[in-house]
Amino acid sequence: MAHHLFLASTPFNTVIASMIALDLPSDDTCELWLIDQPSECSIFVKGVLAWPDSPFRDIRIATYQARSVQQKKQRKRILRQLSQQAKSSGVTDLYTGNDRRIEFQWLMAHLPSTVKGHYIDDGTYSYIGRNTRWFSDGIVDNLLKKLTYGFWWKQPETIGASDWIQMAHLAFPEHAVPQLQKKVILQIPDHLSNPAFTSLGADYSDTLSEAAKLDALIILPHESVRSVTIEQRLLQEGSKYERCGIKRHPRSESGLPGDTTHITEISARVPFELLLSGLKPECCVIGDVSSALLTARWLRPRLQVICLAEQSNSLTDLMRKIGIEVSIV
C-alpha cells in the first residue's frame, strides 16, 4: 500500500492532484498539502479544506508565503517539521507542479531515497519549457539555495526536469518538452464528471448554473499582458454568439473593457477548471495565448476552443497541434 503526498500551490495544481488521486488504488493513502499560500484564504482554498468527498485522507495548509525576513527565517524550522511529519506518515510518492519549489526539494532531500518524485502538469512549461537562465538561475539562485538550505539543491534545466523527478503526469504526453520525455510519462486521467470532484464546486452552484446557459465564454487575460488589439478582437468574436459570458483573470484589478453590456460577467473567483464542468457541449471557449485554453482542450476535448493571437510562437504551434483554432489578428 502506497502513501501519496501531493503539494499544490494553485487551484490548477489542486485539480490535477485530485484527478490523479481519484485514479489511484482505493487502498492507497493520499494527502494534499497546500503550500505557499497567502495569509488570507481564498474561497476556493476554504472549499478545499472543507471538501467532504475529496480523495484525500488529509488536506491542510502546510506553508504560507514568506515575505518578511522573520517569515523567511522561520521557513527552515517549518520545513524540518514537514519532513518529520512526512517521514512518520511513511510517504512513498511525492508530487509537485514545480520541482523548483523548496518544499518539494527539501522533502525529497530528507525523506528516504526510495521515495518517488512525480511532476504533475502545470500548464505551458510542460510543452514549451522554462529554461534556466545561466546567470540569475544557474549561478546566483543556485548558489544561494545551496548555501541557505543545503548542497542537495538541484537546479532543473526546465520545470519538471530535475533528478528528483522520476515520473511526469501530463495532459498531452506526446507534446512534452524533450527533458520530460526522458521521464516515465503517464496520462492524467479525466475525472471531471466524477461526483467526488464535482462536489468541490458546491459553493459555486449559482455561477455554474449561469455558465450552463452560455453559447460562448471569453477568458480575459490579466491587464498587465492584455493588448488593446486582442481585447477588441475577443469582444468582437464574442458578439457573434447570442449568449456570451466573460471571465476576468482571478487576480485582475480592473473592470471589464469597452462595451460589454451585451455580455454576461462570470465571477472571476470561480476557478476556470471548475467552471469548465458547467459549460454545455455546444459552448465555445475564446481566449488569448494562455494555459487556460490548454486546460479547456484537455478537460473538455469536444468543446470548440478559439485562440486569438498577435503573432505565431511555440505556444500557438502547440495549440494547433492539439486542435485549438488559432487566429492571428
C-alpha atoms as a PDB file:
ATOM      1  CA  MET A   1       0.000   0.000   0.000  1.00  0.00           C
ATOM      2  CA  ALA A   2       1.469   3.309  -1.121  1.00  0.00           C
ATOM      3  CA  HIS A   3       1.231   6.702   0.581  1.00  0.00           C
ATOM      4  CA  HIS A   4       0.921   9.603  -1.888  1.00  0.00           C
ATOM      5  CA  LEU A   5       1.609  13.194  -0.805  1.00  0.00           C
ATOM      6  CA  PHE A   6       0.577  15.981  -3.188  1.00  0.00           C
ATOM      7  CA  LEU A   7       1.960  19.521  -2.897  1.00  0.00           C
ATOM      8  CA  ALA A   8      -0.257  22.178  -4.504  1.00  0.00           C
ATOM      9  CA  SER A   9       0.196  25.946  -4.630  1.00  0.00           C
ATOM     10  CA  THR A  10      -2.575  26.841  -7.120  1.00  0.00           C
ATOM     11  CA  PRO A  11      -6.144  25.758  -7.931  1.00  0.00           C
ATOM     12  CA  PHE A  12      -4.802  24.138 -11.102  1.00  0.00           C
ATOM     13  CA  ASN A  13      -2.315  22.073  -9.050  1.00  0.00           C
ATOM     14  CA  THR A  14      -5.173  21.026  -6.777  1.00  0.00           C
ATOM     15  CA  VAL A  15      -7.384  19.955  -9.683  1.00  0.00           C
ATOM     16  CA  ILE A  16      -4.609  17.887 -11.300  1.00  0.00           C
ATOM     17  CA  ALA A  17      -3.729  16.312  -7.951  1.00  0.00           C
ATOM     18  CA  SER A  18      -7.390  15.391  -7.450  1.00  0.00           C
ATOM     19  CA  MET A  19      -7.635  13.765 -10.882  1.00  0.00           C
ATOM     20  CA  ILE A  20      -4.580  11.627 -10.177  1.00  0.00           C
ATOM     21  CA  ALA A  21      -5.676  10.747  -6.642  1.00  0.00           C
ATOM     22  CA  LEU A  22      -9.128   9.648  -7.851  1.00  0.00           C
ATOM     23  CA  ASP A  23      -7.413   7.176 -10.201  1.00  0.00           C
ATOM     24  CA  LEU A  24      -5.179   5.532  -7.591  1.00  0.00           C
ATOM     25  CA  PRO A  25      -5.971   2.178  -5.919  1.00  0.00           C
ATOM     26  CA  SER A  26      -8.593   2.512  -3.198  1.00  0.00           C
ATOM     27  CA  ASP A  27      -6.315   1.023  -0.553  1.00  0.00           C
ATOM     28  CA  ASP A  28      -3.596   3.644  -1.169  1.00  0.00           C
ATOM     29  CA  THR A  29      -3.441   6.713   1.070  1.00  0.00           C
ATOM     30  CA  CYS A  30      -3.498  10.242  -0.414  1.00  0.00           C
ATOM     31  CA  GLU A  31      -2.768  13.539   1.322  1.00  0.00           C
ATOM     32  CA  LEU A  32      -2.915  17.097  -0.031  1.00  0.00           C
ATOM     33  CA  TRP A  33      -0.678  19.817   1.373  1.00  0.00           C
ATOM     34  CA  LEU A  34      -1.343  23.360   0.176  1.00  0.00           C
ATOM     35  CA  ILE A  35       1.921  25.317   0.017  1.00  0.00           C
ATOM     36  CA  ASP A  36       2.985  28.947  -0.397  1.00  0.00           C
ATOM     37  CA  GLN A  37      -0.490  30.199   0.469  1.00  0.00           C
ATOM     38  CA  PRO A  38      -1.454  33.838   1.194  1.00  0.00           C
ATOM     39  CA  SER A  39      -2.227  34.655   4.820  1.00  0.00           C
ATOM     40  CA  GLU A  40      -5.914  35.119   3.979  1.00  0.00           C
ATOM     41  CA  CYS A  41      -7.507  32.020   2.473  1.00  0.00           C
ATOM     42  CA  SER A  42      -9.385  32.349  -0.800  1.00  0.00           C
ATOM     43  CA  ILE A  43     -12.919  30.989  -1.138  1.00  0.00           C
ATOM     44  CA  PHE A  44     -11.512  28.139  -3.208  1.00  0.00           C
ATOM     45  CA  VAL A  45      -8.984  27.137  -0.524  1.00  0.00           C
ATOM     46  CA  LYS A  46     -11.682  27.267   2.152  1.00  0.00           C
ATOM     47  CA  GLY A  47     -13.773  24.955  -0.021  1.00  0.00           C
ATOM     48  CA  VAL A  48     -10.867  22.557  -0.494  1.00  0.00           C
ATOM     49  CA  LEU A  49     -10.167  22.434   3.244  1.00  0.00           C
ATOM     50  CA  ALA A  50     -13.825  21.578   3.893  1.00  0.00           C
ATOM     51  CA  TRP A  51     -14.167  19.185   0.934  1.00  0.00           C
ATOM     52  CA  PRO A  52     -16.129  16.204   2.374  1.00  0.00           C
ATOM     53  CA  ASP A  53     -15.971  13.957  -0.717  1.00  0.00           C
ATOM     54  CA  SER A  54     -12.311  14.524  -1.537  1.00  0.00           C
ATOM     55  CA  PRO A  55      -9.994  11.633  -2.465  1.00  0.00           C
ATOM     56  CA  PHE A  56      -7.554  12.814   0.222  1.00  0.00           C
ATOM     57  CA  ARG A  57      -7.370  11.446   3.738  1.00  0.00           C
ATOM     58  CA  ASP A  58      -5.991  14.766   4.959  1.00  0.00           C
ATOM     59  CA  ILE A  59      -5.951  18.276   3.481  1.00  0.00           C
ATOM     60  CA  ARG A  60      -4.146  21.152   5.148  1.00  0.00           C
ATOM     61  CA  ILE A  61      -2.163  24.304   4.607  1.00  0.00           C
ATOM     62  CA  ALA A  62       1.480  23.323   5.013  1.00  0.00           C
ATOM     63  CA  THR A  63       3.243  26.623   4.285  1.00  0.00           C
ATOM     64  CA  TYR A  64       2.320  30.263   3.848  1.00  0.00           C
ATOM     65  CA  GLN A  65       4.014  32.826   1.633  1.00  0.00           C
ATOM     66  CA  ALA A  66       7.246  34.040   3.244  1.00  0.00           C
ATOM     67  CA  ARG A  67       7.511  37.779   2.609  1.00  0.00           C
ATOM     68  CA  SER A  68       9.226  39.281   5.619  1.00  0.00           C
ATOM     69  CA  VAL A  69      12.719  38.478   6.873  1.00  0.00           C
ATOM     70  CA  GLN A  70      11.233  36.921  10.003  1.00  0.00           C
ATOM     71  CA  GLN A  71       8.954  34.679   7.954  1.00  0.00           C
ATOM     72  CA  LYS A  72      11.864  33.521   5.830  1.00  0.00           C
ATOM     73  CA  LYS A  73      13.868  32.709   8.967  1.00  0.00           C
ATOM     74  CA  GLN A  74      11.008  30.551  10.219  1.00  0.00           C
ATOM     75  CA  ARG A  75      10.823  28.657   6.914  1.00  0.00           C
ATOM     76  CA  LYS A  76      13.619  26.179   7.723  1.00  0.00           C
ATOM     77  CA  ARG A  77      12.003  25.335  11.051  1.00  0.00           C
ATOM     78  CA  ILE A  78       8.682  24.712   9.315  1.00  0.00           C
ATOM     79  CA  LEU A  79      10.378  22.605   6.626  1.00  0.00           C
ATOM     80  CA  ARG A  80      12.025  20.449   9.287  1.00  0.00           C
ATOM     81  CA  GLN A  81       8.622  19.826  10.860  1.00  0.00           C
ATOM     82  CA  LEU A  82       7.117  18.916   7.497  1.00  0.00           C
ATOM     83  CA  SER A  83       9.855  16.420   6.693  1.00  0.00           C
ATOM     84  CA  GLN A  84       9.395  14.753  10.089  1.00  0.00           C
ATOM     85  CA  GLN A  85       5.641  14.528   9.551  1.00  0.00           C
ATOM     86  CA  ALA A  86       6.048  13.123   6.033  1.00  0.00           C
ATOM     87  CA  LYS A  87       8.617  10.606   7.244  1.00  0.00           C
ATOM     88  CA  SER A  88       6.438   9.407  10.126  1.00  0.00           C
ATOM     89  CA  SER A  89       3.492   9.031   7.716  1.00  0.00           C
ATOM     90  CA  GLY A  90       5.545   6.722   5.520  1.00  0.00           C
ATOM     91  CA  VAL A  91       5.251   8.761   2.317  1.00  0.00           C
ATOM     92  CA  THR A  92       6.265   6.689  -0.719  1.00  0.00           C
ATOM     93  CA  ASP A  93       5.384   9.100  -3.547  1.00  0.00           C
ATOM     94  CA  LEU A  94       5.728  12.899  -3.598  1.00  0.00           C
ATOM     95  CA  TYR A  95       4.024  15.089  -6.226  1.00  0.00           C
ATOM     96  CA  THR A  96       4.673  18.690  -7.266  1.00  0.00           C
ATOM     97  CA  GLY A  97       3.724  21.066 -10.068  1.00  0.00           C
ATOM     98  CA  ASN A  98       7.142  22.728  -9.835  1.00  0.00           C
ATOM     99  CA  ASP A  99      10.308  20.910  -8.812  1.00  0.00           C
ATOM    100  CA  ARG A 100      11.970  24.245  -8.030  1.00  0.00           C
ATOM    101  CA  ARG A 101       9.674  24.608  -5.021  1.00  0.00           C
ATOM    102  CA  ILE A 102      11.736  24.484  -1.842  1.00  0.00           C
ATOM    103  CA  GLU A 103       9.054  22.416  -0.076  1.00  0.00           C
ATOM    104  CA  PHE A 104       9.386  19.653  -2.677  1.00  0.00           C
ATOM    105  CA  GLN A 105      13.179  19.616  -2.823  1.00  0.00           C
ATOM    106  CA  TRP A 106      13.522  19.789   0.968  1.00  0.00           C
ATOM    107  CA  LEU A 107      11.223  16.809   1.419  1.00  0.00           C
ATOM    108  CA  MET A 108      12.938  14.787  -1.323  1.00  0.00           C
ATOM    109  CA  ALA A 109      16.324  15.505   0.267  1.00  0.00           C
ATOM    110  CA  HIS A 110      15.214  14.484   3.760  1.00  0.00           C
ATOM    111  CA  LEU A 111      12.915  11.548   3.042  1.00  0.00           C
ATOM    112  CA  PRO A 112      14.207   8.023   2.272  1.00  0.00           C
ATOM    113  CA  SER A 113      15.846   7.696  -1.132  1.00  0.00           C
ATOM    114  CA  THR A 114      13.166   5.179  -2.111  1.00  0.00           C
ATOM    115  CA  VAL A 115      10.515   7.946  -2.300  1.00  0.00           C
ATOM    116  CA  LYS A 116       9.457   8.531  -5.927  1.00  0.00           C
ATOM    117  CA  GLY A 117       9.269  12.108  -7.220  1.00  0.00           C
ATOM    118  CA  HIS A 118       6.352  12.980  -9.509  1.00  0.00           C
ATOM    119  CA  TYR A 119       5.875  16.076 -11.661  1.00  0.00           C
ATOM    120  CA  ILE A 120       2.233  16.977 -12.269  1.00  0.00           C
ATOM    121  CA  ASP A 121       1.407  19.090 -15.303  1.00  0.00           C
ATOM    122  CA  ASP A 122       1.492  22.812 -14.529  1.00  0.00           C
ATOM    123  CA  GLY A 123       0.468  24.040 -17.973  1.00  0.00           C
ATOM    124  CA  THR A 124       2.568  25.704 -20.649  1.00  0.00           C
ATOM    125  CA  TYR A 125       6.017  24.937 -19.158  1.00  0.00           C
ATOM    126  CA  SER A 126       5.435  21.237 -19.788  1.00  0.00           C
ATOM    127  CA  TYR A 127       5.256  21.887 -23.539  1.00  0.00           C
ATOM    128  CA  ILE A 128       7.329  24.987 -24.310  1.00  0.00           C
ATOM    129  CA  GLY A 129       9.727  24.749 -21.364  1.00  0.00           C
ATOM    130  CA  ARG A 130      11.011  27.251 -18.857  1.00  0.00           C
ATOM    131  CA  ASN A 131      14.712  27.382 -19.487  1.00  0.00           C
ATOM    132  CA  THR A 132      17.080  28.139 -16.657  1.00  0.00           C
ATOM    133  CA  ARG A 133      18.839  31.485 -17.107  1.00  0.00           C
ATOM    134  CA  TRP A 134      22.544  30.705 -16.910  1.00  0.00           C
ATOM    135  CA  PHE A 135      23.479  33.566 -14.567  1.00  0.00           C
ATOM    136  CA  SER A 136      20.448  34.516 -12.427  1.00  0.00           C
ATOM    137  CA  ASP A 137      19.181  30.914 -12.083  1.00  0.00           C
ATOM    138  CA  GLY A 138      22.185  28.750 -12.855  1.00  0.00           C
ATOM    139  CA  ILE A 139      24.671  30.664 -10.722  1.00  0.00           C
ATOM    140  CA  VAL A 140      23.097  33.223  -8.366  1.00  0.00           C
ATOM    141  CA  ASP A 141      19.873  31.444  -7.367  1.00  0.00           C
ATOM    142  CA  ASN A 142      21.505  28.019  -7.461  1.00  0.00           C
ATOM    143  CA  LEU A 143      24.331  29.055  -5.129  1.00  0.00           C
ATOM    144  CA  LEU A 144      22.001  30.996  -2.826  1.00  0.00           C
ATOM    145  CA  LYS A 145      19.695  27.996  -2.433  1.00  0.00           C
ATOM    146  CA  LYS A 146      22.606  25.638  -1.766  1.00  0.00           C
ATOM    147  CA  LEU A 147      24.083  27.957   0.877  1.00  0.00           C
ATOM    148  CA  THR A 148      20.704  28.605   2.504  1.00  0.00           C
ATOM    149  CA  TYR A 149      19.232  25.105   2.523  1.00  0.00           C
ATOM    150  CA  GLY A 150      21.870  22.558   1.543  1.00  0.00           C
ATOM    151  CA  PHE A 151      24.092  21.380  -1.269  1.00  0.00           C
ATOM    152  CA  TRP A 152      21.480  18.786  -2.176  1.00  0.00           C
ATOM    153  CA  TRP A 153      19.584  21.550  -4.025  1.00  0.00           C
ATOM    154  CA  LYS A 154      19.121  20.733  -7.738  1.00  0.00           C
ATOM    155  CA  GLN A 155      18.556  23.432 -10.370  1.00  0.00           C
ATOM    156  CA  PRO A 156      16.381  21.902 -13.118  1.00  0.00           C
ATOM    157  CA  GLU A 157      17.073  22.727 -16.753  1.00  0.00           C
ATOM    158  CA  THR A 158      13.331  23.333 -17.093  1.00  0.00           C
ATOM    159  CA  ILE A 159      10.361  22.767 -14.800  1.00  0.00           C
ATOM    160  CA  GLY A 160       9.995  19.051 -14.033  1.00  0.00           C
ATOM    161  CA  ALA A 161      13.435  18.073 -15.365  1.00  0.00           C
ATOM    162  CA  SER A 162      15.413  17.731 -12.121  1.00  0.00           C
ATOM    163  CA  ASP A 163      16.862  14.428 -10.953  1.00  0.00           C
ATOM    164  CA  TRP A 164      14.304  14.420  -8.133  1.00  0.00           C
ATOM    165  CA  ILE A 165      11.589  13.587 -10.698  1.00  0.00           C
ATOM    166  CA  GLN A 166      11.080  10.018 -11.925  1.00  0.00           C
ATOM    167  CA  MET A 167       7.547  10.302 -13.314  1.00  0.00           C
ATOM    168  CA  ALA A 168       5.632  13.036 -15.150  1.00  0.00           C
ATOM    169  CA  HIS A 169       1.835  13.178 -15.290  1.00  0.00           C
ATOM    170  CA  LEU A 170       0.810  15.151 -18.376  1.00  0.00           C
ATOM    171  CA  ALA A 171      -2.350  16.145 -20.238  1.00  0.00           C
ATOM    172  CA  PHE A 172      -0.637  15.939 -23.655  1.00  0.00           C
ATOM    173  CA  PRO A 173       2.264  13.473 -23.238  1.00  0.00           C
ATOM    174  CA  GLU A 174       3.200  13.357 -26.921  1.00  0.00           C
ATOM    175  CA  HIS A 175       3.901  17.115 -26.942  1.00  0.00           C
ATOM    176  CA  ALA A 176       6.075  17.290 -23.820  1.00  0.00           C
ATOM    177  CA  VAL A 177       9.455  19.032 -23.966  1.00  0.00           C
ATOM    178  CA  PRO A 178      12.435  16.684 -24.577  1.00  0.00           C
ATOM    179  CA  GLN A 179      13.567  16.900 -20.936  1.00  0.00           C
ATOM    180  CA  LEU A 180      10.249  15.475 -19.738  1.00  0.00           C
ATOM    181  CA  GLN A 181      10.249  12.803 -22.436  1.00  0.00           C
ATOM    182  CA  LYS A 182      13.158  11.245 -20.536  1.00  0.00           C
ATOM    183  CA  LYS A 183      10.888  10.578 -17.548  1.00  0.00           C
ATOM    184  CA  VAL A 184       8.280   7.876 -17.175  1.00  0.00           C
ATOM    185  CA  ILE A 185       5.251   9.699 -18.602  1.00  0.00           C
ATOM    186  CA  LEU A 186       1.681   8.972 -17.517  1.00  0.00           C
ATOM    187  CA  GLN A 187      -1.527  10.397 -18.990  1.00  0.00           C
ATOM    188  CA  ILE A 188      -3.556  12.444 -16.494  1.00  0.00           C
ATOM    189  CA  PRO A 189      -6.941  10.743 -16.093  1.00  0.00           C
ATOM    190  CA  ASP A 190     -10.176  12.640 -16.735  1.00  0.00           C
ATOM    191  CA  HIS A 191     -12.420  12.689 -13.673  1.00  0.00           C
ATOM    192  CA  LEU A 192     -14.151  15.992 -14.407  1.00  0.00           C
ATOM    193  CA  SER A 193     -17.590  14.391 -14.019  1.00  0.00           C
ATOM    194  CA  ASN A 194     -16.654  12.266 -11.006  1.00  0.00           C
ATOM    195  CA  PRO A 195     -19.105  13.079  -8.153  1.00  0.00           C
ATOM    196  CA  ALA A 196     -16.209  13.399  -5.722  1.00  0.00           C
ATOM    197  CA  PHE A 197     -14.688  16.088  -7.932  1.00  0.00           C
ATOM    198  CA  THR A 198     -17.899  17.920  -8.829  1.00  0.00           C
ATOM    199  CA  SER A 199     -18.737  18.243  -5.130  1.00  0.00           C
ATOM    200  CA  LEU A 200     -15.838  20.699  -4.918  1.00  0.00           C
ATOM    201  CA  GLY A 201     -17.935  23.159  -6.940  1.00  0.00           C
ATOM    202  CA  ALA A 202     -20.842  23.183  -4.483  1.00  0.00           C
ATOM    203  CA  ASP A 203     -20.010  26.698  -3.288  1.00  0.00           C
ATOM    204  CA  TYR A 204     -20.223  27.973  -6.872  1.00  0.00           C
ATOM    205  CA  SER A 205     -23.533  26.344  -7.857  1.00  0.00           C
ATOM    206  CA  ASP A 206     -25.203  29.647  -8.835  1.00  0.00           C
ATOM    207  CA  THR A 207     -22.318  30.636 -11.106  1.00  0.00           C
ATOM    208  CA  LEU A 208     -22.121  27.176 -12.655  1.00  0.00           C
ATOM    209  CA  SER A 209     -25.856  27.268 -13.399  1.00  0.00           C
ATOM    210  CA  GLU A 210     -25.396  30.632 -15.091  1.00  0.00           C
ATOM    211  CA  ALA A 211     -22.434  29.355 -17.105  1.00  0.00           C
ATOM    212  CA  ALA A 212     -24.511  26.380 -18.314  1.00  0.00           C
ATOM    213  CA  LYS A 213     -26.671  28.788 -20.362  1.00  0.00           C
ATOM    214  CA  LEU A 214     -23.780  30.293 -22.327  1.00  0.00           C
ATOM    215  CA  ASP A 215     -23.100  29.797 -26.027  1.00  0.00           C
ATOM    216  CA  ALA A 216     -19.583  31.208 -25.648  1.00  0.00           C
ATOM    217  CA  LEU A 217     -17.200  32.171 -22.879  1.00  0.00           C
ATOM    218  CA  ILE A 218     -14.415  34.752 -23.221  1.00  0.00           C
ATOM    219  CA  ILE A 219     -11.380  34.213 -20.996  1.00  0.00           C
ATOM    220  CA  LEU A 220      -9.919  37.666 -20.413  1.00  0.00           C
ATOM    221  CA  PRO A 221      -6.155  37.844 -19.753  1.00  0.00           C
ATOM    222  CA  HIS A 222      -4.704  39.904 -16.908  1.00  0.00           C
ATOM    223  CA  GLU A 223      -4.483  43.597 -17.745  1.00  0.00           C
ATOM    224  CA  SER A 224      -0.689  43.552 -17.381  1.00  0.00           C
ATOM    225  CA  VAL A 225      -0.393  41.394 -20.514  1.00  0.00           C
ATOM    226  CA  ARG A 226      -3.594  42.400 -22.280  1.00  0.00           C
ATOM    227  CA  SER A 227      -3.257  44.317 -25.548  1.00  0.00           C
ATOM    228  CA  VAL A 228      -5.957  46.655 -26.855  1.00  0.00           C
ATOM    229  CA  THR A 229      -5.990  44.764 -30.155  1.00  0.00           C
ATOM    230  CA  ILE A 230      -6.605  41.373 -28.566  1.00  0.00           C
ATOM    231  CA  GLU A 231      -9.117  42.880 -26.151  1.00  0.00           C
ATOM    232  CA  GLN A 232     -11.192  44.298 -29.009  1.00  0.00           C
ATOM    233  CA  ARG A 233     -10.962  41.096 -31.047  1.00  0.00           C
ATOM    234  CA  LEU A 234     -12.084  38.976 -28.101  1.00  0.00           C
ATOM    235  CA  LEU A 235     -15.190  41.143 -27.715  1.00  0.00           C
ATOM    236  CA  GLN A 236     -15.860  41.069 -31.452  1.00  0.00           C
ATOM    237  CA  GLU A 237     -15.618  37.289 -31.527  1.00  0.00           C
ATOM    238  CA  GLY A 238     -17.911  37.007 -28.515  1.00  0.00           C
ATOM    239  CA  SER A 239     -20.524  39.275 -30.106  1.00  0.00           C
ATOM    240  CA  LYS A 240     -21.209  36.558 -32.703  1.00  0.00           C
ATOM    241  CA  TYR A 241     -22.980  34.492 -30.054  1.00  0.00           C
ATOM    242  CA  GLU A 242     -26.438  35.080 -28.592  1.00  0.00           C
ATOM    243  CA  ARG A 243     -25.459  34.343 -25.003  1.00  0.00           C
ATOM    244  CA  CYS A 244     -21.829  35.172 -24.322  1.00  0.00           C
ATOM    245  CA  GLY A 245     -20.077  35.309 -20.976  1.00  0.00           C
ATOM    246  CA  ILE A 246     -16.776  36.873 -19.986  1.00  0.00           C
ATOM    247  CA  LYS A 247     -14.472  35.913 -17.123  1.00  0.00           C
ATOM    248  CA  ARG A 248     -11.726  38.184 -15.885  1.00  0.00           C
ATOM    249  CA  HIS A 249      -8.374  36.891 -14.666  1.00  0.00           C
ATOM    250  CA  PRO A 250      -8.613  35.839 -10.975  1.00  0.00           C
ATOM    251  CA  ARG A 251      -6.044  38.489  -9.972  1.00  0.00           C
ATOM    252  CA  SER A 252      -7.416  41.216 -12.221  1.00  0.00           C
ATOM    253  CA  GLU A 253      -7.919  44.591 -10.565  1.00  0.00           C
ATOM    254  CA  SER A 254      -9.568  46.449 -13.457  1.00  0.00           C
ATOM    255  CA  GLY A 255     -13.152  46.309 -14.664  1.00  0.00           C
ATOM    256  CA  LEU A 256     -14.407  44.916 -17.931  1.00  0.00           C
ATOM    257  CA  PRO A 257     -13.106  46.588 -21.110  1.00  0.00           C
ATOM    258  CA  GLY A 258     -15.084  48.592 -23.671  1.00  0.00           C
ATOM    259  CA  ASP A 259     -18.749  47.954 -24.351  1.00  0.00           C
ATOM    260  CA  THR A 260     -19.684  44.701 -22.665  1.00  0.00           C
ATOM    261  CA  THR A 261     -23.343  45.488 -21.970  1.00  0.00           C
ATOM    262  CA  HIS A 262     -24.367  42.551 -24.164  1.00  0.00           C
ATOM    263  CA  ILE A 263     -22.047  40.146 -22.333  1.00  0.00           C
ATOM    264  CA  THR A 264     -22.654  38.386 -19.012  1.00  0.00           C
ATOM    265  CA  GLU A 265     -19.818  38.662 -16.498  1.00  0.00           C
ATOM    266  CA  ILE A 266     -18.952  35.347 -14.855  1.00  0.00           C
ATOM    267  CA  SER A 267     -17.453  35.614 -11.376  1.00  0.00           C
ATOM    268  CA  ALA A 268     -13.660  35.675 -11.532  1.00  0.00           C
ATOM    269  CA  ARG A 269     -13.447  33.922  -8.169  1.00  0.00           C
ATOM    270  CA  VAL A 270     -14.608  30.606  -9.672  1.00  0.00           C
ATOM    271  CA  PRO A 271     -11.560  28.562 -10.771  1.00  0.00           C
ATOM    272  CA  PHE A 272     -11.671  28.008 -14.518  1.00  0.00           C
ATOM    273  CA  GLU A 273     -11.191  24.260 -14.068  1.00  0.00           C
ATOM    274  CA  LEU A 274     -14.465  24.046 -12.099  1.00  0.00           C
ATOM    275  CA  LEU A 275     -16.265  26.410 -14.474  1.00  0.00           C
ATOM    276  CA  LEU A 276     -15.493  24.099 -17.388  1.00  0.00           C
ATOM    277  CA  SER A 277     -17.575  21.339 -15.841  1.00  0.00           C
ATOM    278  CA  GLY A 278     -20.702  23.501 -16.143  1.00  0.00           C
ATOM    279  CA  LEU A 279     -20.404  24.525 -19.817  1.00  0.00           C
ATOM    280  CA  LYS A 280     -22.785  22.898 -22.281  1.00  0.00           C
ATOM    281  CA  PRO A 281     -21.265  20.780 -25.101  1.00  0.00           C
ATOM    282  CA  GLU A 282     -22.033  23.442 -27.730  1.00  0.00           C
ATOM    283  CA  CYS A 283     -20.282  26.252 -25.843  1.00  0.00           C
ATOM    284  CA  CYS A 284     -17.213  27.887 -27.414  1.00  0.00           C
ATOM    285  CA  VAL A 285     -14.257  28.998 -25.274  1.00  0.00           C
ATOM    286  CA  ILE A 286     -12.412  32.072 -26.609  1.00  0.00           C
ATOM    287  CA  GLY A 287      -9.155  33.485 -25.297  1.00  0.00           C
ATOM    288  CA  ASP A 288      -5.654  34.733 -25.974  1.00  0.00           C
ATOM    289  CA  VAL A 289      -2.456  32.704 -25.826  1.00  0.00           C
ATOM    290  CA  SER A 290      -2.818  31.184 -22.356  1.00  0.00           C
ATOM    291  CA  SER A 291      -2.698  27.930 -20.444  1.00  0.00           C
ATOM    292  CA  ALA A 292      -6.453  28.284 -19.792  1.00  0.00           C
ATOM    293  CA  LEU A 293      -7.123  27.223 -23.366  1.00  0.00           C
ATOM    294  CA  LEU A 294      -4.890  24.157 -22.941  1.00  0.00           C
ATOM    295  CA  THR A 295      -6.926  23.279 -19.853  1.00  0.00           C
ATOM    296  CA  ALA A 296     -10.186  23.651 -21.796  1.00  0.00           C
ATOM    297  CA  ARG A 297      -8.881  21.404 -24.559  1.00  0.00           C
ATOM    298  CA  TRP A 298      -7.768  18.743 -22.093  1.00  0.00           C
ATOM    299  CA  LEU A 299     -10.739  18.691 -19.709  1.00  0.00           C
ATOM    300  CA  ARG A 300     -13.423  19.315 -22.360  1.00  0.00           C
ATOM    301  CA  PRO A 301     -11.909  17.990 -25.619  1.00  0.00           C
ATOM    302  CA  ARG A 302     -15.173  18.285 -27.562  1.00  0.00           C
ATOM    303  CA  LEU A 303     -15.662  21.988 -26.895  1.00  0.00           C
ATOM    304  CA  GLN A 304     -14.724  24.425 -29.634  1.00  0.00           C
ATOM    305  CA  VAL A 305     -11.711  26.418 -28.418  1.00  0.00           C
ATOM    306  CA  ILE A 306     -10.502  29.552 -30.233  1.00  0.00           C
ATOM    307  CA  CYS A 307      -7.212  31.351 -29.613  1.00  0.00           C
ATOM    308  CA  LEU A 308      -6.678  34.927 -30.827  1.00  0.00           C
ATOM    309  CA  ALA A 309      -3.002  35.888 -31.029  1.00  0.00           C
ATOM    310  CA  GLU A 310      -0.963  38.785 -32.369  1.00  0.00           C
ATOM    311  CA  GLN A 311       1.753  36.509 -33.697  1.00  0.00           C
ATOM    312  CA  SER A 312       2.676  32.860 -34.025  1.00  0.00           C
ATOM    313  CA  ASN A 313       5.004  31.326 -31.445  1.00  0.00           C
ATOM    314  CA  SER A 314       5.791  27.969 -29.872  1.00  0.00           C
ATOM    315  CA  LEU A 315       2.611  28.026 -27.807  1.00  0.00           C
ATOM    316  CA  THR A 316       0.299  28.779 -30.750  1.00  0.00           C
ATOM    317  CA  ASP A 317       2.067  25.973 -32.637  1.00  0.00           C
ATOM    318  CA  LEU A 318       1.234  23.617 -29.765  1.00  0.00           C
ATOM    319  CA  MET A 319      -2.378  24.788 -29.725  1.00  0.00           C
ATOM    320  CA  ARG A 320      -2.799  23.994 -33.385  1.00  0.00           C
ATOM    321  CA  LYS A 321      -1.370  20.504 -32.833  1.00  0.00           C
ATOM    322  CA  ILE A 322      -3.929  19.690 -30.129  1.00  0.00           C
ATOM    323  CA  GLY A 323      -6.886  21.008 -32.094  1.00  0.00           C
ATOM    324  CA  ILE A 324      -7.328  24.597 -30.884  1.00  0.00           C
ATOM    325  CA  GLU A 325      -8.337  27.040 -33.604  1.00  0.00           C
ATOM    326  CA  VAL A 326      -5.671  29.783 -33.773  1.00  0.00           C
ATOM    327  CA  SER A 327      -6.332  33.100 -35.487  1.00  0.00           C
ATOM    328  CA  ILE A 328      -3.538  35.676 -35.904  1.00  0.00           C
ATOM    329  CA  VAL A 329      -5.033  39.170 -35.632  1.00  0.00           C
END
